[in-house]
Amino acid sequence: MKPLRWTPHALEALAARDIERAEVEQTVADPERSVMDPPRRAVLMRRYVDARLGCQMLLRVVVEETPEEWVVVTVYKTSQTAKYLGRAEP
């Protein structure tokens, strides 16, 4: 996997939204779904169990891929799994 570079905004979002860096790294490495956001961005998504909330959430990671790295633009989590995955929850 290419190395990750974090924008200042992405680092602020990690802290403000109480998201573990390891969850973001796992989402980039093995997304459940990827949606292009032209011209250069992608939204990588993966379901996970949020330890603090004690429930399943969907992590959305907005990235820009360069030949050398992934640039993490922002991250956020949502409980609206079906809305973003485009299908009913299992």
PDB file of N, CA and C in Angstrom:
ATOM      1  N   MET A   1       0.843  -1.185   0.000  1.00  0.00           N
ATOM      2  CA  MET A   1       0.000   0.000   0.000  1.00  0.00           C
ATOM      3  C   MET A   1       0.885   1.244   0.000  1.00  0.00           C
ATOM      4  N   LYS A   2       0.436   2.254  -0.708  1.00  0.00           N
ATOM      5  CA  LYS A   2       1.168   3.518  -0.737  1.00  0.00           C
ATOM      6  C   LYS A   2       1.094   4.181   0.638  1.00  0.00           C
ATOM      7  N   PRO A   3       2.078   5.005   0.967  1.00  0.00           N
ATOM      8  CA  PRO A   3       2.021   5.717   2.240  1.00  0.00           C
ATOM      9  C   PRO A   3       0.874   6.743   2.248  1.00  0.00           C
ATOM     10  N   LEU A   4       0.422   7.055   3.467  1.00  0.00           N
ATOM     11  CA  LEU A   4      -0.620   8.065   3.649  1.00  0.00           C
ATOM     12  C   LEU A   4       0.000   9.382   4.063  1.00  0.00           C
ATOM     13  N   ARG A   5      -0.513  10.450   3.485  1.00  0.00           N
ATOM     14  CA  ARG A   5      -0.179  11.794   3.958  1.00  0.00           C
ATOM     15  C   ARG A   5      -1.480  12.421   4.420  1.00  0.00           C
ATOM     16  N   TRP A   6      -1.454  12.997   5.605  1.00  0.00           N
ATOM     17  CA  TRP A   6      -2.657  13.560   6.215  1.00  0.00           C
ATOM     18  C   TRP A   6      -2.666  15.070   6.066  1.00  0.00           C
ATOM     19  N   THR A   7      -3.767  15.628   5.557  1.00  0.00           N
ATOM     20  CA  THR A   7      -3.903  17.083   5.530  1.00  0.00           C
ATOM     21  C   THR A   7      -4.181  17.551   6.961  1.00  0.00           C
ATOM     22  N   PRO A   8      -3.897  18.798   7.265  1.00  0.00           N
ATOM     23  CA  PRO A   8      -4.232  19.313   8.596  1.00  0.00           C
ATOM     24  C   PRO A   8      -5.726  19.149   8.906  1.00  0.00           C
ATOM     25  N   HIS A   9      -6.568  19.354   7.905  1.00  0.00           N
ATOM     26  CA  HIS A   9      -8.008  19.186   8.127  1.00  0.00           C
ATOM     27  C   HIS A   9      -8.345  17.748   8.521  1.00  0.00           C
ATOM     28  N   ALA A  10      -7.730  16.767   7.854  1.00  0.00           N
ATOM     29  CA  ALA A  10      -7.997  15.362   8.166  1.00  0.00           C
ATOM     30  C   ALA A  10      -7.574  15.030   9.593  1.00  0.00           C
ATOM     31  N   LEU A  11      -6.432  15.557  10.022  1.00  0.00           N
ATOM     32  CA  LEU A  11      -5.984  15.313  11.399  1.00  0.00           C
ATOM     33  C   LEU A  11      -6.933  15.947  12.406  1.00  0.00           C
ATOM     34  N   GLU A  12      -7.435  17.127  12.098  1.00  0.00           N
ATOM     35  CA  GLU A  12      -8.420  17.770  12.976  1.00  0.00           C
ATOM     36  C   GLU A  12      -9.709  16.958  13.020  1.00  0.00           C
ATOM     37  N   ALA A  13     -10.128  16.430  11.868  1.00  0.00           N
ATOM     38  CA  ALA A  13     -11.350  15.629  11.814  1.00  0.00           C
ATOM     39  C   ALA A  13     -11.212  14.348  12.635  1.00  0.00           C
ATOM     40  N   LEU A  14     -10.040  13.714  12.611  1.00  0.00           N
ATOM     41  CA  LEU A  14      -9.818  12.520  13.433  1.00  0.00           C
ATOM     42  C   LEU A  14     -10.103  12.811  14.900  1.00  0.00           C
ATOM     43  N   ALA A  15      -9.544  13.889  15.385  1.00  0.00           N
ATOM     44  CA  ALA A  15      -9.708  14.236  16.802  1.00  0.00           C
ATOM     45  C   ALA A  15     -11.138  14.678  17.106  1.00  0.00           C
ATOM     46  N   ALA A  16     -11.675  15.558  16.280  1.00  0.00           N
ATOM     47  CA  ALA A  16     -13.005  16.111  16.545  1.00  0.00           C
ATOM     48  C   ALA A  16     -14.101  15.056  16.456  1.00  0.00           C
ATOM     49  N   ARG A  17     -13.911  14.088  15.580  1.00  0.00           N
ATOM     50  CA  ARG A  17     -14.947  13.062  15.358  1.00  0.00           C
ATOM     51  C   ARG A  17     -14.644  11.753  16.067  1.00  0.00           C
ATOM     52  N   ASP A  18     -13.584  11.753  16.874  1.00  0.00           N
ATOM     53  CA  ASP A  18     -13.205  10.587  17.676  1.00  0.00           C
ATOM     54  C   ASP A  18     -13.076   9.327  16.817  1.00  0.00           C
ATOM     55  N   ILE A  19     -12.238   9.443  15.781  1.00  0.00           N
ATOM     56  CA  ILE A  19     -11.989   8.326  14.870  1.00  0.00           C
ATOM     57  C   ILE A  19     -10.546   7.878  15.049  1.00  0.00           C
ATOM     58  N   GLU A  20     -10.351   6.575  15.152  1.00  0.00           N
ATOM     59  CA  GLU A  20      -9.011   6.018  15.306  1.00  0.00           C
ATOM     60  C   GLU A  20      -8.279   6.036  13.969  1.00  0.00           C
ATOM     61  N   ARG A  21      -7.035   6.428  14.003  1.00  0.00           N
ATOM     62  CA  ARG A  21      -6.207   6.464  12.801  1.00  0.00           C
ATOM     63  C   ARG A  21      -6.117   5.082  12.160  1.00  0.00           C
ATOM     64  N   ALA A  22      -6.050   4.037  12.966  1.00  0.00           N
ATOM     65  CA  ALA A  22      -5.959   2.673  12.445  1.00  0.00           C
ATOM     66  C   ALA A  22      -7.202   2.298  11.634  1.00  0.00           C
ATOM     67  N   GLU A  23      -8.360   2.800  12.015  1.00  0.00           N
ATOM     68  CA  GLU A  23      -9.588   2.514  11.260  1.00  0.00           C
ATOM     69  C   GLU A  23      -9.516   3.150   9.875  1.00  0.00           C
ATOM     70  N   VAL A  24      -8.969   4.349   9.803  1.00  0.00           N
ATOM     71  CA  VAL A  24      -8.811   5.028   8.517  1.00  0.00           C
ATOM     72  C   VAL A  24      -7.810   4.264   7.655  1.00  0.00           C
ATOM     73  N   GLU A  25      -6.702   3.872   8.235  1.00  0.00           N
ATOM     74  CA  GLU A  25      -5.685   3.137   7.489  1.00  0.00           C
ATOM     75  C   GLU A  25      -6.249   1.827   6.939  1.00  0.00           C
ATOM     76  N   GLN A  26      -7.058   1.134   7.735  1.00  0.00           N
ATOM     77  CA  GLN A  26      -7.659  -0.117   7.281  1.00  0.00           C
ATOM     78  C   GLN A  26      -8.659   0.139   6.156  1.00  0.00           C
ATOM     79  N   THR A  27      -9.396   1.234   6.244  1.00  0.00           N
ATOM     80  CA  THR A  27     -10.361   1.578   5.198  1.00  0.00           C
ATOM     81  C   THR A  27      -9.658   1.878   3.885  1.00  0.00           C
ATOM     82  N   VAL A  28      -8.551   2.602   3.933  1.00  0.00           N
ATOM     83  CA  VAL A  28      -7.800   2.895   2.716  1.00  0.00           C
ATOM     84  C   VAL A  28      -7.204   1.608   2.141  1.00  0.00           C
ATOM     85  N   ALA A  29      -6.701   0.732   2.991  1.00  0.00           N
ATOM     86  CA  ALA A  29      -6.077  -0.506   2.535  1.00  0.00           C
ATOM     87  C   ALA A  29      -7.084  -1.499   1.965  1.00  0.00           C
ATOM     88  N   ASP A  30      -8.291  -1.536   2.542  1.00  0.00           N
ATOM     89  CA  ASP A  30      -9.277  -2.544   2.144  1.00  0.00           C
ATOM     90  C   ASP A  30     -10.690  -1.977   2.239  1.00  0.00           C
ATOM     91  N   PRO A  31     -11.047  -1.052   1.342  1.00  0.00           N
ATOM     92  CA  PRO A  31     -12.388  -0.454   1.414  1.00  0.00           C
ATOM     93  C   PRO A  31     -13.473  -1.457   1.016  1.00  0.00           C
ATOM     94  N   GLU A  32     -14.626  -1.303   1.633  1.00  0.00           N
ATOM     95  CA  GLU A  32     -15.789  -2.108   1.254  1.00  0.00           C
ATOM     96  C   GLU A  32     -16.383  -1.565  -0.055  1.00  0.00           C
ATOM     97  N   ARG A  33     -16.286  -0.261  -0.221  1.00  0.00           N
ATOM     98  CA  ARG A  33     -16.788   0.387  -1.436  1.00  0.00           C
ATOM     99  C   ARG A  33     -15.958   1.633  -1.707  1.00  0.00           C
ATOM    100  N   SER A  34     -15.804   1.949  -2.977  1.00  0.00           N
ATOM    101  CA  SER A  34     -15.077   3.140  -3.396  1.00  0.00           C
ATOM    102  C   SER A  34     -15.912   3.865  -4.439  1.00  0.00           C
ATOM    103  N   VAL A  35     -16.059   5.181  -4.264  1.00  0.00           N
ATOM    104  CA  VAL A  35     -16.836   5.992  -5.195  1.00  0.00           C
ATOM    105  C   VAL A  35     -15.951   7.145  -5.653  1.00  0.00           C
ATOM    106  N   MET A  36     -15.865   7.354  -6.951  1.00  0.00           N
ATOM    107  CA  MET A  36     -15.068   8.463  -7.465  1.00  0.00           C
ATOM    108  C   MET A  36     -15.794   9.777  -7.237  1.00  0.00           C
ATOM    109  N   ASP A  37     -15.016  10.800  -6.894  1.00  0.00           N
ATOM    110  CA  ASP A  37     -15.527  12.152  -6.690  1.00  0.00           C
ATOM    111  C   ASP A  37     -14.658  13.063  -7.551  1.00  0.00           C
ATOM    112  N   PRO A  38     -15.033  13.185  -8.846  1.00  0.00           N
ATOM    113  CA  PRO A  38     -14.189  13.922  -9.796  1.00  0.00           C
ATOM    114  C   PRO A  38     -13.856  15.337  -9.325  1.00  0.00           C
ATOM    115  N   PRO A  39     -12.708  15.864  -9.717  1.00  0.00           N
ATOM    116  CA  PRO A  39     -11.846  15.274 -10.736  1.00  0.00           C
ATOM    117  C   PRO A  39     -10.796  14.310 -10.195  1.00  0.00           C
ATOM    118  N   ARG A  40     -10.329  14.452  -8.946  1.00  0.00           N
ATOM    119  CA  ARG A  40      -9.201  13.616  -8.498  1.00  0.00           C
ATOM    120  C   ARG A  40      -9.452  12.871  -7.202  1.00  0.00           C
ATOM    121  N   ARG A  41     -10.621  12.975  -6.649  1.00  0.00           N
ATOM    122  CA  ARG A  41     -10.853  12.387  -5.328  1.00  0.00           C
ATOM    123  C   ARG A  41     -11.669  11.111  -5.397  1.00  0.00           C
ATOM    124  N   ALA A  42     -11.485  10.307  -4.355  1.00  0.00           N
ATOM    125  CA  ALA A  42     -12.289   9.099  -4.175  1.00  0.00           C
ATOM    126  C   ALA A  42     -12.771   9.084  -2.731  1.00  0.00           C
ATOM    127  N   VAL A  43     -13.942   8.497  -2.528  1.00  0.00           N
ATOM    128  CA  VAL A  43     -14.464   8.300  -1.184  1.00  0.00           C
ATOM    129  C   VAL A  43     -14.412   6.800  -0.929  1.00  0.00           C
ATOM    130  N   LEU A  44     -13.593   6.405   0.040  1.00  0.00           N
ATOM    131  CA  LEU A  44     -13.432   5.006   0.402  1.00  0.00           C
ATOM    132  C   LEU A  44     -14.275   4.746   1.647  1.00  0.00           C
ATOM    133  N   MET A  45     -15.034   3.643   1.646  1.00  0.00           N
ATOM    134  CA  MET A  45     -15.956   3.381   2.742  1.00  0.00           C
ATOM    135  C   MET A  45     -15.793   1.967   3.280  1.00  0.00           C
ATOM    136  N   ARG A  46     -16.027   1.861   4.597  1.00  0.00           N
ATOM    137  CA  ARG A  46     -15.972   0.548   5.252  1.00  0.00           C
ATOM    138  C   ARG A  46     -16.796   0.605   6.531  1.00  0.00           C
ATOM    139  N   ARG A  47     -17.578  -0.456   6.752  1.00  0.00           N
ATOM    140  CA  ARG A  47     -18.320  -0.573   8.011  1.00  0.00           C
ATOM    141  C   ARG A  47     -17.376  -1.038   9.112  1.00  0.00           C
ATOM    142  N   TYR A  48     -17.603  -0.556  10.316  1.00  0.00           N
ATOM    143  CA  TYR A  48     -16.817  -0.989  11.466  1.00  0.00           C
ATOM    144  C   TYR A  48     -17.640  -0.775  12.725  1.00  0.00           C
ATOM    145  N   VAL A  49     -17.210  -1.385  13.820  1.00  0.00           N
ATOM    146  CA  VAL A  49     -17.887  -1.187  15.098  1.00  0.00           C
ATOM    147  C   VAL A  49     -17.140  -0.098  15.847  1.00  0.00           C
ATOM    148  N   ASP A  50     -17.826   0.991  16.107  1.00  0.00           N
ATOM    149  CA  ASP A  50     -17.239   2.112  16.835  1.00  0.00           C
ATOM    150  C   ASP A  50     -17.197   1.747  18.318  1.00  0.00           C
ATOM    151  N   ALA A  51     -16.001   1.660  18.881  1.00  0.00           N
ATOM    152  CA  ALA A  51     -15.835   1.221  20.265  1.00  0.00           C
ATOM    153  C   ALA A  51     -16.494   2.185  21.257  1.00  0.00           C
ATOM    154  N   ARG A  52     -16.391   3.482  21.009  1.00  0.00           N
ATOM    155  CA  ARG A  52     -16.970   4.447  21.942  1.00  0.00           C
ATOM    156  C   ARG A  52     -18.491   4.439  21.889  1.00  0.00           C
ATOM    157  N   LEU A  53     -19.048   4.355  20.682  1.00  0.00           N
ATOM    158  CA  LEU A  53     -20.502   4.366  20.531  1.00  0.00           C
ATOM    159  C   LEU A  53     -21.121   2.990  20.744  1.00  0.00           C
ATOM    160  N   GLY A  54     -20.318   1.950  20.547  1.00  0.00           N
ATOM    161  CA  GLY A  54     -20.809   0.590  20.735  1.00  0.00           C
ATOM    162  C   GLY A  54     -21.785   0.145  19.667  1.00  0.00           C
ATOM    163  N   CYS A  55     -21.639   0.669  18.454  1.00  0.00           N
ATOM    164  CA  CYS A  55     -22.534   0.273  17.370  1.00  0.00           C
ATOM    165  C   CYS A  55     -21.793   0.333  16.040  1.00  0.00           C
ATOM    166  N   GLN A  56     -22.426  -0.259  15.026  1.00  0.00           N
ATOM    167  CA  GLN A  56     -21.826  -0.251  13.696  1.00  0.00           C
ATOM    168  C   GLN A  56     -21.972   1.125  13.065  1.00  0.00           C
ATOM    169  N   MET A  57     -20.892   1.590  12.470  1.00  0.00           N
ATOM    170  CA  MET A  57     -20.871   2.866  11.774  1.00  0.00           C
ATOM    171  C   MET A  57     -20.226   2.643  10.412  1.00  0.00           C
ATOM    172  N   LEU A  58     -20.401   3.614   9.549  1.00  0.00           N
ATOM    173  CA  LEU A  58     -19.743   3.604   8.249  1.00  0.00           C
ATOM    174  C   LEU A  58     -18.691   4.691   8.269  1.00  0.00           C
ATOM    175  N   LEU A  59     -17.458   4.303   8.005  1.00  0.00           N
ATOM    176  CA  LEU A  59     -16.365   5.264   7.944  1.00  0.00           C
ATOM    177  C   LEU A  59     -16.185   5.672   6.490  1.00  0.00           C
ATOM    178  N   ARG A  60     -16.149   6.977   6.246  1.00  0.00           N
ATOM    179  CA  ARG A  60     -15.954   7.523   4.896  1.00  0.00           C
ATOM    180  C   ARG A  60     -14.660   8.328   4.899  1.00  0.00           C
ATOM    181  N   VAL A  61     -13.760   7.960   3.997  1.00  0.00           N
ATOM    182  CA  VAL A  61     -12.450   8.584   3.915  1.00  0.00           C
ATOM    183  C   VAL A  61     -12.308   9.195   2.521  1.00  0.00           C
ATOM    184  N   VAL A  62     -12.147  10.506   2.468  1.00  0.00           N
ATOM    185  CA  VAL A  62     -11.969  11.199   1.199  1.00  0.00           C
ATOM    186  C   VAL A  62     -10.466  11.312   0.951  1.00  0.00           C
ATOM    187  N   VAL A  63     -10.033  10.759  -0.191  1.00  0.00           N
ATOM    188  CA  VAL A  63      -8.603  10.725  -0.507  1.00  0.00           C
ATOM    189  C   VAL A  63      -8.352  11.233  -1.924  1.00  0.00           C
ATOM    190  N   GLU A  64      -7.117  11.660  -2.125  1.00  0.00           N
ATOM    191  CA  GLU A  64      -6.596  11.944  -3.458  1.00  0.00           C
ATOM    192  C   GLU A  64      -5.395  11.029  -3.636  1.00  0.00           C
ATOM    193  N   GLU A  65      -5.373  10.290  -4.739  1.00  0.00           N
ATOM    194  CA  GLU A  65      -4.255   9.384  -4.993  1.00  0.00           C
ATOM    195  C   GLU A  65      -3.281  10.045  -5.945  1.00  0.00           C
ATOM    196  N   THR A  66      -2.005  10.012  -5.576  1.00  0.00           N
ATOM    197  CA  THR A  66      -0.938  10.461  -6.450  1.00  0.00           C
ATOM    198  C   THR A  66      -0.105   9.226  -6.802  1.00  0.00           C
ATOM    199  N   PRO A  67       0.824   9.335  -7.726  1.00  0.00           N
ATOM    200  CA  PRO A  67       1.664   8.177  -8.031  1.00  0.00           C
ATOM    201  C   PRO A  67       2.469   7.685  -6.817  1.00  0.00           C
ATOM    202  N   GLU A  68       2.743   8.579  -5.857  1.00  0.00           N
ATOM    203  CA  GLU A  68       3.583   8.221  -4.718  1.00  0.00           C
ATOM    204  C   GLU A  68       2.829   7.914  -3.427  1.00  0.00           C
ATOM    205  N   GLU A  69       1.604   8.445  -3.273  1.00  0.00           N
ATOM    206  CA  GLU A  69       0.951   8.360  -1.962  1.00  0.00           C
ATOM    207  C   GLU A  69      -0.559   8.543  -2.072  1.00  0.00           C
ATOM    208  N   TRP A  70      -1.220   8.271  -0.936  1.00  0.00           N
ATOM    209  CA  TRP A  70      -2.623   8.615  -0.749  1.00  0.00           C
ATOM    210  C   TRP A  70      -2.644   9.851   0.149  1.00  0.00           C
ATOM    211  N   VAL A  71      -3.382  10.877  -0.245  1.00  0.00           N
ATOM    212  CA  VAL A  71      -3.537  12.067   0.578  1.00  0.00           C
ATOM    213  C   VAL A  71      -4.925  12.007   1.211  1.00  0.00           C
ATOM    214  N   VAL A  72      -4.963  11.924   2.541  1.00  0.00           N
ATOM    215  CA  VAL A  72      -6.242  11.884   3.256  1.00  0.00           C
ATOM    216  C   VAL A  72      -6.717  13.322   3.416  1.00  0.00           C
ATOM    217  N   VAL A  73      -7.843  13.632   2.762  1.00  0.00           N
ATOM    218  CA  VAL A  73      -8.378  14.982   2.756  1.00  0.00           C
ATOM    219  C   VAL A  73      -9.267  15.212   3.970  1.00  0.00           C
ATOM    220  N   THR A  74     -10.170  14.268   4.237  1.00  0.00           N
ATOM    221  CA  THR A  74     -11.030  14.348   5.414  1.00  0.00           C
ATOM    222  C   THR A  74     -11.569  12.964   5.723  1.00  0.00           C
ATOM    223  N   VAL A  75     -12.100  12.809   6.921  1.00  0.00           N
ATOM    224  CA  VAL A  75     -12.709  11.549   7.355  1.00  0.00           C
ATOM    225  C   VAL A  75     -13.945  11.872   8.178  1.00  0.00           C
ATOM    226  N   TYR A  76     -14.942  10.998   8.069  1.00  0.00           N
ATOM    227  CA  TYR A  76     -16.097  11.125   8.952  1.00  0.00           C
ATOM    228  C   TYR A  76     -16.811   9.794   9.038  1.00  0.00           C
ATOM    229  N   LYS A  77     -17.615   9.655  10.077  1.00  0.00           N
ATOM    230  CA  LYS A  77     -18.374   8.430  10.272  1.00  0.00           C
ATOM    231  C   LYS A  77     -19.859   8.780  10.297  1.00  0.00           C
ATOM    232  N   THR A  78     -20.661   7.793   9.889  1.00  0.00           N
ATOM    233  CA  THR A  78     -22.102   7.987   9.848  1.00  0.00           C
ATOM    234  C   THR A  78     -22.794   6.669  10.171  1.00  0.00           C
ATOM    235  N   SER A  79     -23.996   6.782  10.688  1.00  0.00           N
ATOM    236  CA  SER A  79     -24.798   5.586  10.939  1.00  0.00           C
ATOM    237  C   SER A  79     -25.673   5.256   9.730  1.00  0.00           C
ATOM    238  N   GLN A  80     -25.656   6.082   8.709  1.00  0.00           N
ATOM    239  CA  GLN A  80     -26.507   5.910   7.524  1.00  0.00           C
ATOM    240  C   GLN A  80     -25.845   4.988   6.499  1.00  0.00           C
ATOM    241  N   THR A  81     -25.599   3.771   6.934  1.00  0.00           N
ATOM    242  CA  THR A  81     -24.898   2.795   6.107  1.00  0.00           C
ATOM    243  C   THR A  81     -25.623   2.530   4.794  1.00  0.00           C
ATOM    244  N   ALA A  82     -26.911   2.259   4.856  1.00  0.00           N
ATOM    245  CA  ALA A  82     -27.668   1.913   3.650  1.00  0.00           C
ATOM    246  C   ALA A  82     -27.662   3.060   2.643  1.00  0.00           C
ATOM    247  N   LYS A  83     -27.734   4.280   3.119  1.00  0.00           N
ATOM    248  CA  LYS A  83     -27.749   5.447   2.229  1.00  0.00           C
ATOM    249  C   LYS A  83     -26.487   5.501   1.373  1.00  0.00           C
ATOM    250  N   TYR A  84     -25.346   5.270   1.994  1.00  0.00           N
ATOM    251  CA  TYR A  84     -24.080   5.426   1.281  1.00  0.00           C
ATOM    252  C   TYR A  84     -23.618   4.168   0.556  1.00  0.00           C
ATOM    253  N   LEU A  85     -24.028   3.009   1.042  1.00  0.00           N
ATOM    254  CA  LEU A  85     -23.627   1.780   0.361  1.00  0.00           C
ATOM    255  C   LEU A  85     -24.611   1.406  -0.737  1.00  0.00           C
ATOM    256  N   GLY A  86     -25.777   2.056  -0.755  1.00  0.00           N
ATOM    257  CA  GLY A  86     -26.731   1.847  -1.827  1.00  0.00           C
ATOM    258  C   GLY A  86     -27.449   0.521  -1.785  1.00  0.00           C
ATOM    259  N   ARG A  87     -27.535  -0.058  -0.606  1.00  0.00           N
ATOM    260  CA  ARG A  87     -28.261  -1.313  -0.456  1.00  0.00           C
ATOM    261  C   ARG A  87     -28.676  -1.466   0.995  1.00  0.00           C
ATOM    262  N   ALA A  88     -29.546  -2.408   1.238  1.00  0.00           N
ATOM    263  CA  ALA A  88     -30.020  -2.659   2.601  1.00  0.00           C
ATOM    264  C   ALA A  88     -28.888  -3.221   3.435  1.00  0.00           C
ATOM    265  N   GLU A  89     -28.901  -2.895   4.693  1.00  0.00           N
ATOM    266  CA  GLU A  89     -27.878  -3.414   5.612  1.00  0.00           C
ATOM    267  C   GLU A  89     -28.105  -4.908   5.813  1.00  0.00           C
ATOM    268  N   PRO A  90     -27.015  -5.654   5.973  1.00  0.00           N
ATOM    269  CA  PRO A  90     -27.160  -7.108   6.193  1.00  0.00           C
ATOM    270  C   PRO A  90     -27.687  -7.396   7.584  1.00  0.00           C
TER     271      PRO A  90
END
